[in-house]
């Protein structure tokens, strides 16, 4: 069941008292300028590290070989046909088909894709609230704060911190760039956002930051398709930053 919230009028379409209390607590935490909100009590998220661990376990059960610490250097191609890949140590791996799923590294590993893909960095913050109980999952739901305007979204308390990040235009950069750090301007923008929306977090200590990498396509859609100029090469990218 979903609940629709009109922040200014406080009209809530919900028949569940527990969910009703969750919405009420969330409203008290917010100092909202946005007229309307959408509350989905069944929404959630998946921790990416656990997803990768599950995939590793799955590939073991079906006999897929995983080469850790091996680094891609180039395609092994001839006459517009890809025969495999070349690793950084010059070892060649051949295959009937090659699938490149390299996330934000794609336009740098495959320079011919730069006209289609743009790697961008986006700030992520972990804040330590003074009153952690306010941000427990049953009280503080995952949110997107008019992302097309502010860019900000966030999560309920996890391991003592509240994660808030920005899904905005970002800064174009390589994932290996030394500029892949959260800037003072990024932090100032976050504080300004929190003062106008979730003031109880506005001065909370920031205990961790990182830059999340995206691989943006020109139209914002995923790109999972064969390369028309290179037989048996498939490129899978155009990710949202939470998956590589």
Protein backbone atom coordinates (compact mmCIF):
# COMPACT_ATOMS: atom_id res chain seq x y z
CA UNK A 1 0.00 0.00 0.00
CA UNK A 2 1.24 3.47 -0.80
CA UNK A 3 0.54 6.72 0.99
CA UNK A 4 0.34 10.13 -0.64
CA UNK A 5 1.38 13.09 1.49
CA UNK A 6 0.45 16.74 0.95
CA UNK A 7 3.00 18.46 3.16
CA UNK A 8 1.29 21.81 3.54
CA UNK A 9 -2.22 20.50 4.12
CA UNK A 10 -1.04 17.43 6.05
CA UNK A 11 -3.58 15.27 4.21
CA UNK A 12 -2.42 11.67 4.28
CA UNK A 13 -4.06 8.79 2.45
CA UNK A 14 -3.15 5.82 4.67
CA UNK A 15 -5.08 3.22 6.65
CA UNK A 16 -2.15 1.85 8.62
CA UNK A 17 -1.58 3.45 12.03
CA UNK A 18 2.10 2.43 12.19
CA UNK A 19 2.76 3.96 8.80
CA UNK A 20 0.73 6.98 9.86
CA UNK A 21 3.03 7.52 12.86
CA UNK A 22 6.07 7.13 10.60
CA UNK A 23 4.80 9.88 8.32
CA UNK A 24 4.00 12.13 11.30
CA UNK A 25 7.52 11.78 12.72
CA UNK A 26 9.03 12.40 9.29
CA UNK A 27 6.95 15.56 8.93
CA UNK A 28 8.10 16.90 12.29
CA UNK A 29 11.74 16.42 11.27
CA UNK A 30 11.30 18.35 8.07
CA UNK A 31 11.14 22.03 7.37
CA UNK A 32 9.81 21.59 3.87
CA UNK A 33 9.46 24.12 1.09
CA UNK A 34 8.21 21.46 -1.33
CA UNK A 35 4.45 21.44 -1.74
CA UNK A 36 3.89 17.72 -2.23
CA UNK A 37 5.59 14.49 -1.32
CA UNK A 38 5.14 10.82 -2.11
CA UNK A 39 5.51 8.26 0.66
CA UNK A 40 6.02 4.58 -0.20
CA UNK A 41 6.23 2.52 3.00
CA UNK A 42 7.28 -0.58 1.07
CA UNK A 43 10.31 1.05 -0.57
CA UNK A 44 13.82 0.06 0.38
CA UNK A 45 17.30 -0.46 -0.93
CA UNK A 46 19.88 -3.17 -1.45
CA UNK A 47 23.42 -2.90 -0.10
CA UNK A 48 25.66 -3.15 -3.15
CA UNK A 49 28.46 -4.96 -1.31
CA UNK A 50 26.12 -7.78 -0.37
CA UNK A 51 24.85 -7.98 -3.95
CA UNK A 52 28.40 -8.42 -5.26
CA UNK A 53 29.14 -11.03 -2.59
CA UNK A 54 26.02 -12.94 -3.63
CA UNK A 55 27.07 -12.80 -7.29
CA UNK A 56 30.51 -14.17 -6.37
CA UNK A 57 28.86 -17.07 -4.55
CA UNK A 58 26.56 -17.70 -7.50
CA UNK A 59 29.35 -17.81 -10.06
CA UNK A 60 31.19 -20.39 -7.91
CA UNK A 61 28.14 -22.65 -8.00
CA UNK A 62 27.90 -22.51 -11.82
CA UNK A 63 31.61 -22.83 -12.55
CA UNK A 64 32.44 -19.29 -13.68
CA UNK A 65 36.12 -18.42 -13.26
CA UNK A 66 36.87 -15.15 -11.46
CA UNK A 67 40.28 -13.53 -11.95
CA UNK A 68 40.91 -11.14 -9.10
CA UNK A 69 43.59 -8.44 -9.33
CA UNK A 70 43.65 -8.82 -13.13
CA UNK A 71 43.43 -5.44 -14.87
CA UNK A 72 42.00 -4.84 -18.34
CA UNK A 73 44.35 -2.99 -20.71
CA UNK A 74 42.83 -3.23 -24.19
CA UNK A 75 40.63 -5.16 -26.55
CA UNK A 76 42.31 -7.87 -28.59
CA UNK A 77 40.83 -7.07 -31.98
CA UNK A 78 41.56 -7.45 -35.65
CA UNK A 79 39.56 -6.38 -38.71
CA UNK A 80 36.72 -5.03 -36.58
CA UNK A 81 36.36 -8.34 -34.73
CA UNK A 82 37.10 -8.67 -31.04
CA UNK A 83 38.90 -11.90 -30.21
CA UNK A 84 39.27 -11.28 -26.50
CA UNK A 85 41.03 -8.88 -24.15
CA UNK A 86 44.58 -7.98 -23.20
CA UNK A 87 45.46 -7.64 -19.53
CA UNK A 88 47.90 -5.15 -18.06
CA UNK A 89 50.54 -7.91 -17.76
CA UNK A 90 50.12 -8.52 -21.54
CA UNK A 91 48.32 -11.81 -21.02
CA UNK A 92 45.62 -12.41 -23.61
CA UNK A 93 42.24 -13.95 -22.83
CA UNK A 94 40.26 -15.13 -25.82
CA UNK A 95 36.53 -15.67 -26.08
CA UNK A 96 33.64 -16.07 -28.49
CA UNK A 97 32.12 -12.90 -27.05
CA UNK A 98 33.37 -10.05 -24.89
CA UNK A 99 31.10 -8.10 -22.54
CA UNK A 100 32.48 -4.87 -21.09
CA UNK A 101 30.66 -3.78 -17.94
CA UNK A 102 33.14 -1.28 -16.52
CA UNK A 103 30.85 1.48 -15.24
CA UNK A 104 32.46 4.91 -15.13
CA UNK A 105 35.75 3.49 -16.45
CA UNK A 106 34.10 2.67 -19.80
CA UNK A 107 34.95 5.90 -21.71
CA UNK A 108 38.56 5.67 -20.51
CA UNK A 109 39.07 1.96 -21.20
CA UNK A 110 37.28 2.25 -24.55
CA UNK A 111 38.09 5.76 -25.86
CA UNK A 112 35.84 5.31 -28.91
CA UNK A 113 32.83 5.43 -26.54
CA UNK A 114 33.55 8.94 -25.22
CA UNK A 115 31.07 10.47 -27.65
CA UNK A 116 28.36 8.34 -26.01
CA UNK A 117 29.36 8.23 -22.33
CA UNK A 118 30.36 10.80 -19.71
CA UNK A 119 31.87 9.81 -16.36
CA UNK A 120 30.80 12.11 -13.52
CA UNK A 121 31.50 12.29 -9.79
CA UNK A 122 28.82 13.01 -7.15
CA UNK A 123 29.34 13.75 -3.42
CA UNK A 124 28.22 11.30 -0.73
CA UNK A 125 28.09 12.17 2.98
CA UNK A 126 27.71 10.11 6.15
CA UNK A 127 26.39 12.22 9.03
CA UNK A 128 26.26 11.26 12.71
CA UNK A 129 23.00 12.60 14.20
CA UNK A 130 22.85 13.82 17.79
CA UNK A 131 19.68 11.78 18.33
CA UNK A 132 20.03 8.57 16.26
CA UNK A 133 16.56 7.31 17.25
CA UNK A 134 14.97 10.04 15.12
CA UNK A 135 16.45 8.45 12.01
CA UNK A 136 15.59 4.81 12.53
CA UNK A 137 14.02 3.18 9.49
CA UNK A 138 10.56 3.03 11.05
CA UNK A 139 10.67 6.79 11.63
CA UNK A 140 12.78 8.23 8.84
CA UNK A 141 12.15 6.72 5.38
CA UNK A 142 14.42 6.80 2.38
CA UNK A 143 13.80 10.04 0.51
CA UNK A 144 14.41 11.97 -2.66
CA UNK A 145 14.05 15.73 -2.14
CA UNK A 146 12.72 16.95 -5.48
CA UNK A 147 15.83 15.44 -7.07
CA UNK A 148 15.37 17.19 -10.42
CA UNK A 149 15.79 20.50 -8.53
CA UNK A 150 17.96 19.84 -5.46
CA UNK A 151 19.64 16.57 -6.42
CA UNK A 152 19.56 15.31 -2.83
CA UNK A 153 18.41 11.92 -1.62
CA UNK A 154 19.07 10.01 1.58
CA UNK A 155 18.66 6.92 3.72
CA UNK A 156 17.58 6.09 7.23
CA UNK A 157 20.09 5.30 9.98
CA UNK A 158 22.54 2.51 9.18
CA UNK A 159 25.45 1.64 11.48
CA UNK A 160 24.98 4.88 13.37
CA UNK A 161 25.06 7.26 10.40
CA UNK A 162 22.63 8.87 7.96
CA UNK A 163 23.76 8.77 4.34
CA UNK A 164 22.83 11.72 2.11
CA UNK A 165 24.08 12.12 -1.44
CA UNK A 166 23.54 14.32 -4.47
CA UNK A 167 22.16 13.06 -7.77
CA UNK A 168 22.87 16.25 -9.70
CA UNK A 169 24.94 17.12 -12.78
CA UNK A 170 28.15 16.14 -10.99
CA UNK A 171 31.70 16.89 -12.10
CA UNK A 172 33.16 15.20 -15.14
CA UNK A 173 36.23 13.19 -14.17
CA UNK A 174 37.96 9.85 -14.45
CA UNK A 175 37.31 7.42 -11.59
CA UNK A 176 41.09 7.42 -11.06
CA UNK A 177 41.36 11.22 -10.96
CA UNK A 178 43.08 12.82 -7.93
CA UNK A 179 40.15 15.27 -7.99
CA UNK A 180 37.83 12.48 -6.91
CA UNK A 181 37.27 14.05 -3.48
CA UNK A 182 34.37 15.86 -1.85
CA UNK A 183 35.03 19.60 -1.86
CA UNK A 184 34.30 22.34 0.66
CA UNK A 185 31.73 23.70 -1.78
CA UNK A 186 29.99 20.30 -1.81
CA UNK A 187 29.80 20.37 1.98
CA UNK A 188 28.53 23.96 2.05
CA UNK A 189 25.80 23.06 -0.45
CA UNK A 190 24.77 20.12 1.71
CA UNK A 191 24.60 22.25 4.88
CA UNK A 192 22.47 24.82 3.07
CA UNK A 193 20.11 22.09 1.88
CA UNK A 194 19.81 20.60 5.37
CA UNK A 195 19.12 23.96 7.00
CA UNK A 196 16.14 24.42 4.69
CA UNK A 197 14.82 20.84 4.89
CA UNK A 198 16.12 18.74 7.80
CA UNK A 199 17.51 21.33 10.25
CA UNK A 200 18.16 18.76 12.98
CA UNK A 201 20.94 17.41 10.73
CA UNK A 202 22.28 20.77 9.58
CA UNK A 203 25.20 20.82 12.05
CA UNK A 204 25.66 17.07 12.44
CA UNK A 205 29.29 15.93 12.17
CA UNK A 206 30.30 14.49 8.80
CA UNK A 207 32.21 11.31 9.60
CA UNK A 208 32.87 10.08 6.07
CA UNK A 209 32.72 11.35 2.49
CA UNK A 210 33.38 9.91 -0.92
CA UNK A 211 32.66 10.65 -4.57
CA UNK A 212 30.30 8.21 -6.25
CA UNK A 213 30.98 7.71 -9.94
CA UNK A 214 28.29 7.61 -12.64
CA UNK A 215 28.57 6.72 -16.30
CA UNK A 216 25.98 8.94 -17.96
CA UNK A 217 24.61 8.31 -21.43
CA UNK A 218 23.41 11.12 -23.67
CA UNK A 219 19.74 10.24 -23.13
CA UNK A 220 20.01 8.96 -19.56
CA UNK A 221 19.08 5.40 -20.53
CA UNK A 222 21.03 2.22 -19.92
CA UNK A 223 23.29 1.11 -22.77
CA UNK A 224 23.32 -2.68 -23.07
CA UNK A 225 23.92 -3.59 -26.69
CA UNK A 226 26.38 -4.99 -29.23
CA UNK A 227 28.84 -2.57 -30.79
CA UNK A 228 27.77 -2.26 -34.46
CA UNK A 229 31.38 -1.73 -35.56
CA UNK A 230 32.95 -4.58 -33.58
CA UNK A 231 31.58 -8.04 -34.00
CA UNK A 232 30.92 -9.98 -30.76
CA UNK A 233 31.59 -7.00 -28.43
CA UNK A 234 28.78 -6.04 -26.04
CA UNK A 235 28.96 -2.89 -23.92
CA UNK A 236 26.81 -2.73 -20.77
CA UNK A 237 26.89 0.59 -18.95
CA UNK A 238 24.96 3.82 -18.43
CA UNK A 239 24.68 3.22 -14.71
CA UNK A 240 23.17 5.34 -11.98
CA UNK A 241 26.16 5.24 -9.66
CA UNK A 242 25.03 2.43 -7.42
CA UNK A 243 26.07 -0.39 -9.69
CA UNK A 244 29.22 -1.20 -11.63
